[in-house]
C-alpha atoms as a PDB file:
ATOM      1  CA  MET A   1      41.127  -9.052  23.880  1.00  0.00           C
ATOM      2  CA  PRO A   2      39.338  -8.049  20.666  1.00  0.00           C
ATOM      3  CA  ARG A   3      37.104  -5.027  20.603  1.00  0.00           C
ATOM      4  CA  ALA A   4      33.380  -5.830  20.856  1.00  0.00           C
ATOM      5  CA  THR A   5      31.228  -3.822  18.458  1.00  0.00           C
ATOM      6  CA  ASN A   6      27.781  -5.094  19.441  1.00  0.00           C
ATOM      7  CA  ALA A   7      27.161  -5.700  15.732  1.00  0.00           C
ATOM      8  CA  PRO A   8      23.736  -7.398  15.954  1.00  0.00           C
ATOM      9  CA  ALA A   9      22.177  -4.539  17.960  1.00  0.00           C
ATOM     10  CA  SER A  10      23.674  -1.777  15.827  1.00  0.00           C
ATOM     11  CA  ARG A  11      22.631  -3.561  12.627  1.00  0.00           C
ATOM     12  CA  GLN A  12      19.072  -3.901  13.977  1.00  0.00           C
ATOM     13  CA  ARG A  13      19.056  -0.214  14.866  1.00  0.00           C
ATOM     14  CA  ARG A  14      20.153   0.781  11.366  1.00  0.00           C
ATOM     15  CA  LYS A  15      17.781  -1.660   9.713  1.00  0.00           C
ATOM     16  CA  LYS A  16      14.871  -0.233  11.706  1.00  0.00           C
ATOM     17  CA  VAL A  17      15.685   3.277  10.441  1.00  0.00           C
ATOM     18  CA  LEU A  18      16.086   2.101   6.832  1.00  0.00           C
ATOM     19  CA  ASN A  19      12.774   0.218   6.993  1.00  0.00           C
ATOM     20  CA  ARG A  20      11.057   3.345   8.292  1.00  0.00           C
ATOM     21  CA  ALA A  21      12.555   5.290   5.348  1.00  0.00           C
ATOM     22  CA  LYS A  22      11.201   2.903   2.698  1.00  0.00           C
ATOM     23  CA  GLY A  23       9.452   4.778  -0.081  1.00  0.00           C
ATOM     24  CA  TYR A  24      11.587   7.883   0.314  1.00  0.00           C
ATOM     25  CA  ARG A  25      13.362   9.013  -2.839  1.00  0.00           C
ATOM     26  CA  GLN A  26      17.005   8.493  -3.756  1.00  0.00           C
ATOM     27  CA  GLY A  27      19.529   8.512  -0.917  1.00  0.00           C
ATOM     28  CA  ARG A  28      16.878   9.259   1.659  1.00  0.00           C
ATOM     29  CA  SER A  29      15.901   5.594   1.623  1.00  0.00           C
ATOM     30  CA  LYS A  30      19.327   4.063   0.925  1.00  0.00           C
ATOM     31  CA  LEU A  31      21.919   5.982   2.946  1.00  0.00           C
ATOM     32  CA  TYR A  32      21.728   5.508   6.699  1.00  0.00           C
ATOM     33  CA  ARG A  33      22.523   9.072   7.731  1.00  0.00           C
ATOM     34  CA  LYS A  34      20.050  10.646   5.290  1.00  0.00           C
ATOM     35  CA  ALA A  35      17.451   8.001   6.124  1.00  0.00           C
ATOM     36  CA  ARG A  36      17.792   8.751   9.835  1.00  0.00           C
ATOM     37  CA  GLU A  37      17.428  12.505   9.279  1.00  0.00           C
ATOM     38  CA  PHE A  38      14.355  12.221   7.096  1.00  0.00           C
ATOM     39  CA  SER A  39      12.641   9.454   9.039  1.00  0.00           C
ATOM     40  CA  GLU A  40      13.001  11.574  12.197  1.00  0.00           C
ATOM     41  CA  LYS A  41      11.524  14.468  10.227  1.00  0.00           C
ATOM     42  CA  GLY A  42       8.695  12.168   9.163  1.00  0.00           C
ATOM     43  CA  LEU A  43       8.050  11.157  12.773  1.00  0.00           C
ATOM     44  CA  THR A  44       7.890  14.842  13.692  1.00  0.00           C
ATOM     45  CA  TYR A  45       5.272  15.438  10.997  1.00  0.00           C
ATOM     46  CA  ALA A  46       3.318  12.367  12.142  1.00  0.00           C
ATOM     47  CA  TYR A  47       3.249  13.635  15.739  1.00  0.00           C
ATOM     48  CA  ARG A  48       2.176  17.122  14.650  1.00  0.00           C
ATOM     49  CA  ASP A  49      -0.476  15.881  12.244  1.00  0.00           C
ATOM     50  CA  ARG A  50      -2.087  13.501  14.717  1.00  0.00           C
ATOM     51  CA  ARG A  51      -3.075  16.647  16.579  1.00  0.00           C
ATOM     52  CA  ALA A  52      -3.895  18.683  13.469  1.00  0.00           C
ATOM     53  CA  LYS A  53      -6.214  15.884  12.283  1.00  0.00           C
ATOM     54  CA  LYS A  54      -8.493  16.502  15.274  1.00  0.00           C
ATOM     55  CA  ARG A  55      -8.754  20.213  14.412  1.00  0.00           C
ATOM     56  CA  THR A  56      -9.391  19.447  10.749  1.00  0.00           C
ATOM     57  CA  PHE A  57     -12.195  17.018  11.487  1.00  0.00           C
ATOM     58  CA  ARG A  58     -13.852  19.403  13.931  1.00  0.00           C
ATOM     59  CA  ALA A  59     -13.805  22.085  11.207  1.00  0.00           C
ATOM     60  CA  LEU A  60     -15.389  19.622   8.762  1.00  0.00           C
ATOM     61  CA  TRP A  61     -18.137  18.730  11.244  1.00  0.00           C
ATOM     62  CA  ILE A  62     -18.886  22.397  11.887  1.00  0.00           C
ATOM     63  CA  THR A  63     -19.053  23.083   8.139  1.00  0.00           C
ATOM     64  CA  ARG A  64     -21.496  20.205   7.610  1.00  0.00           C
ATOM     65  CA  ILE A  65     -23.675  21.289  10.527  1.00  0.00           C
ATOM     66  CA  ALA A  66     -23.666  24.909   9.305  1.00  0.00           C
ATOM     67  CA  ALA A  67     -24.725  23.824   5.805  1.00  0.00           C
ATOM     68  CA  ALA A  68     -27.576  21.743   7.217  1.00  0.00           C
ATOM     69  CA  CYS A  69     -28.607  24.648   9.457  1.00  0.00           C
ATOM     70  CA  LYS A  70     -28.823  26.939   6.425  1.00  0.00           C
ATOM     71  CA  ASN A  71     -31.236  24.438   4.836  1.00  0.00           C
ATOM     72  CA  ASN A  72     -33.380  24.649   7.985  1.00  0.00           C
ATOM     73  CA  ASP A  73     -33.349  28.483   8.168  1.00  0.00           C
ATOM     74  CA  ILE A  74     -31.248  28.809  11.300  1.00  0.00           C
ATOM     75  CA  SER A  75     -27.689  30.009  11.766  1.00  0.00           C
ATOM     76  CA  TYR A  76     -25.024  27.699  13.169  1.00  0.00           C
ATOM     77  CA  SER A  77     -24.517  29.787  16.307  1.00  0.00           C
ATOM     78  CA  GLN A  78     -28.240  29.943  17.022  1.00  0.00           C
ATOM     79  CA  PHE A  79     -28.509  26.192  16.435  1.00  0.00           C
ATOM     80  CA  ILE A  80     -25.718  25.386  18.902  1.00  0.00           C
ATOM     81  CA  SER A  81     -27.211  27.766  21.448  1.00  0.00           C
ATOM     82  CA  GLY A  82     -30.653  26.243  20.914  1.00  0.00           C
ATOM     83  CA  ILE A  83     -29.589  22.620  21.342  1.00  0.00           C
ATOM     84  CA  LYS A  84     -27.756  23.540  24.531  1.00  0.00           C
ATOM     85  CA  LYS A  85     -30.898  25.240  25.883  1.00  0.00           C
ATOM     86  CA  ALA A  86     -33.001  22.258  24.758  1.00  0.00           C
ATOM     87  CA  ASP A  87     -30.511  19.964  26.553  1.00  0.00           C
ATOM     88  CA  VAL A  88     -29.781  17.862  23.466  1.00  0.00           C
ATOM     89  CA  GLN A  89     -26.747  15.758  24.408  1.00  0.00           C
ATOM     90  CA  LEU A  90     -25.197  15.334  20.948  1.00  0.00           C
ATOM     91  CA  ASN A  91     -21.663  16.327  20.056  1.00  0.00           C
ATOM     92  CA  ARG A  92     -20.628  17.942  16.781  1.00  0.00           C
ATOM     93  CA  LYS A  93     -19.381  14.658  15.329  1.00  0.00           C
ATOM     94  CA  SER A  94     -22.746  12.941  15.734  1.00  0.00           C
ATOM     95  CA  LEU A  95     -24.671  16.047  14.665  1.00  0.00           C
ATOM     96  CA  ALA A  96     -22.591  16.237  11.476  1.00  0.00           C
ATOM     97  CA  ASP A  97     -23.228  12.543  10.817  1.00  0.00           C
ATOM     98  CA  ILE A  98     -26.974  13.031  11.261  1.00  0.00           C
ATOM     99  CA  ALA A  99     -26.922  16.141   9.060  1.00  0.00           C
ATOM    100  CA  PHE A 100     -25.033  14.289   6.328  1.00  0.00           C
ATOM    101  CA  ASN A 101     -26.865  10.950   6.377  1.00  0.00           C
ATOM    102  CA  ASN A 102     -30.331  11.758   7.737  1.00  0.00           C
ATOM    103  CA  PRO A 103     -31.504  15.301   6.903  1.00  0.00           C
ATOM    104  CA  ASN A 104     -35.049  14.653   8.192  1.00  0.00           C
ATOM    105  CA  ALA A 105     -33.799  13.775  11.672  1.00  0.00           C
ATOM    106  CA  PHE A 106     -31.577  16.851  11.609  1.00  0.00           C
ATOM    107  CA  ALA A 107     -34.599  18.968  10.704  1.00  0.00           C
ATOM    108  CA  ASP A 108     -36.334  17.693  13.853  1.00  0.00           C
ATOM    109  CA  ILE A 109     -33.298  18.621  15.965  1.00  0.00           C
ATOM    110  CA  ALA A 110     -33.189  22.056  14.308  1.00  0.00           C
ATOM    111  CA  ALA A 111     -36.889  22.533  15.104  1.00  0.00           C
ATOM    112  CA  LYS A 112     -36.174  21.718  18.774  1.00  0.00           C
ATOM    113  CA  ALA A 113     -33.325  24.222  18.746  1.00  0.00           C
ATOM    114  CA  LYS A 114     -35.556  26.945  17.262  1.00  0.00           C
ATOM    115  CA  GLU A 115     -38.243  26.193  19.818  1.00  0.00           C
ATOM    116  CA  ALA A 116     -35.745  26.423  22.691  1.00  0.00           C
ATOM    117  CA  ILE A 117     -34.455  29.774  21.427  1.00  0.00           C
ATOM    118  CA  HIS A 118     -37.938  31.321  21.191  1.00  0.00           C
ATOM    119  CA  SER A 119     -39.172  30.054  24.531  1.00  0.00           C
END
């Protein structure tokens, strides 16, 4: 009896790896072993950076809010404390969006925060 190699499945497996490695330079996209190594490395980076992306965006939102707070003569920490005391139910993402696109509305929120701090 001849030896069965399961050629269609193994070819599909290799093709999947080579397709994932498209765009890599030189042997990294052509040679199966190198392509497997570097596409696995790429998947590792993708997994890591999906988490890092969340941290990066939060930092951006905080920076935008802090800049808008400076324009309204209040520090970021006082602003956050004030909106919590004033029971404003907005997260940093929406606050940053308001600060970036609608400074007048943000000024109203900042005024509420200042009022809550002083009362």
